[in-house]
Amino acid sequence: MKMQAETPGIMASLGQAARNAAHQLSLASTEAKNLAILEAARNIRARTAEILEANARDMAAARQSGESGAFLDRLALDASRVEAMAKGLEAIAALPDPVGRRLAAYERPNGLSIERIATPLGVIGVIFESRPAVTADAGALCLKAGNAAILRAGSECAFSSRAIHDCLTAGLEAAGLPAAAIGLVPVKDRAAVGLMLAGLDGNLDVIVPRGGKSLVARVQAEAHVPVFAHLEGLVHVVIDRDADLEKAKKIVHNAKMRRTGICGAAETLLVDQACAPTHLAPLVKMLIDAGCEVRGDAETGAADPRVKEASEQDWRTEYLDSIISVRVVKNLDEAIAHIEKYGSHHTDCIVTENANAAERFLKEVDSAIVMHNASTQFADGGEFGFGAEIGIATGRMHARGPVGLEQLTTFKYRVHGDGQTRS
């Protein structure tokens, strides 16, 4: 795609303004940051009608484009979701300020006193698709952690994101903080993403992608700055031989069907062969009766004639829809091996009443979030007590799991001496 002539200049100005704002934010008081966030929440409530009108424009365009039901669910806002957005901001404001925390303190034999202190990361670029609420969550989290943010919303949620961003800007202005502290890319030109990945002339410190596999893969491949990202949420639920059937049905139904389009939704169900005679058919029936398409192996197909045959690709697919793949495994060893082969290190769960099996699973499955007897839809920063999240990172460097306030800081060492010199 040809870059629009004005895009480089717009992005360069956005980057420089964010860098200038980041310096001011690093010195801002907790009270000023909280006021900006609370005023943004107040504006979101006051402008609910405007936000919903903007979202209706985005939804109409998405329907005309033939987007899937799961896509539309991620994009859609209603009064309750707008209220949840405002409450999320209030929850962020109520959290302790992560900046300035003393992470460690010790004294060396030579008398030097050394402290490790939490500091902001700087300028964070967030590139996201189809989730307008990310505008509020990401903007407020970056702000509370003392960072400036540059948000690039996908064209499919452009109107919604702009309306929400206006509320954030109003909050910043009410608190006397620079409006550039939370910038929103004003052009739909896709070249803007490439310019962000290049670092905006050194003005971006971290990139956070929130979107489909192709977006995240591109960011990870092309970014010249560090990336907090998960490639996909290929989430597994394991039904161990010692699982309680009613508990398993409740957990699996919620993990798959509560919201099928979120990254914490279950995509693969693994059932231990030892409990398959009693557990497999009821679980499959429950899912199909709830409107979920089940794609399974031969044993799963034999349990219910409505099951479709699973292909090799199904074990590698994040459906983000009312579809789940089901496989019978010989034992817990085979379940863990399946997750290691096909999983994405996002979130995985075991349902069992056997404490030893649960402990093995939690220890051996190398995912950012591992669960025992709980719905995988709890894989969310708000549910973890973080107020909200900017994303769920599946890498192993710096941040892993829900990326909240603490993960949006780095640290520096402060060294206090009294004339010491090194020999």
Foldseek 3Di string as FASTA:
>chain_A
DDFDPCLLVLLLVLLVLQQVLLVVLQVDDLVLLLQLLLQLLVVLLVCVVQLQVLLVVLLVVCVVVVDDPLLSVQQDDDNVNSNLLSQLSNLLSPDDQQFFDFPDWDADPVGKIKTKTWTFLEEEEEEEESHLSLLSQVLSQCSSLSYAYEYEYAPSNVSNNVSSLVSSLVSCVVSVGDSSSYHYSPDNGPVSVLCVLAPSVVSHAEYEYYYALVVQVCSVVRHPHHYFYFNAQAEEEEEALAFDQVLVLVQLCCLCPVRLQDSLRHAEYEYAPNCCVPRLLVNVVSLVVVVAAEAEDPSSCVSDVSHHHDDPCSLQDSPSDRYHYYYYDHHLVRVLVSCVVRNRLAEYEYGHPDPVSQVCQVVRRRHLYYYYSHHSVCQFCVSVSLSGASHAGGDDPQDHGGHGNNSSIDIDMDMDDDPDDDD
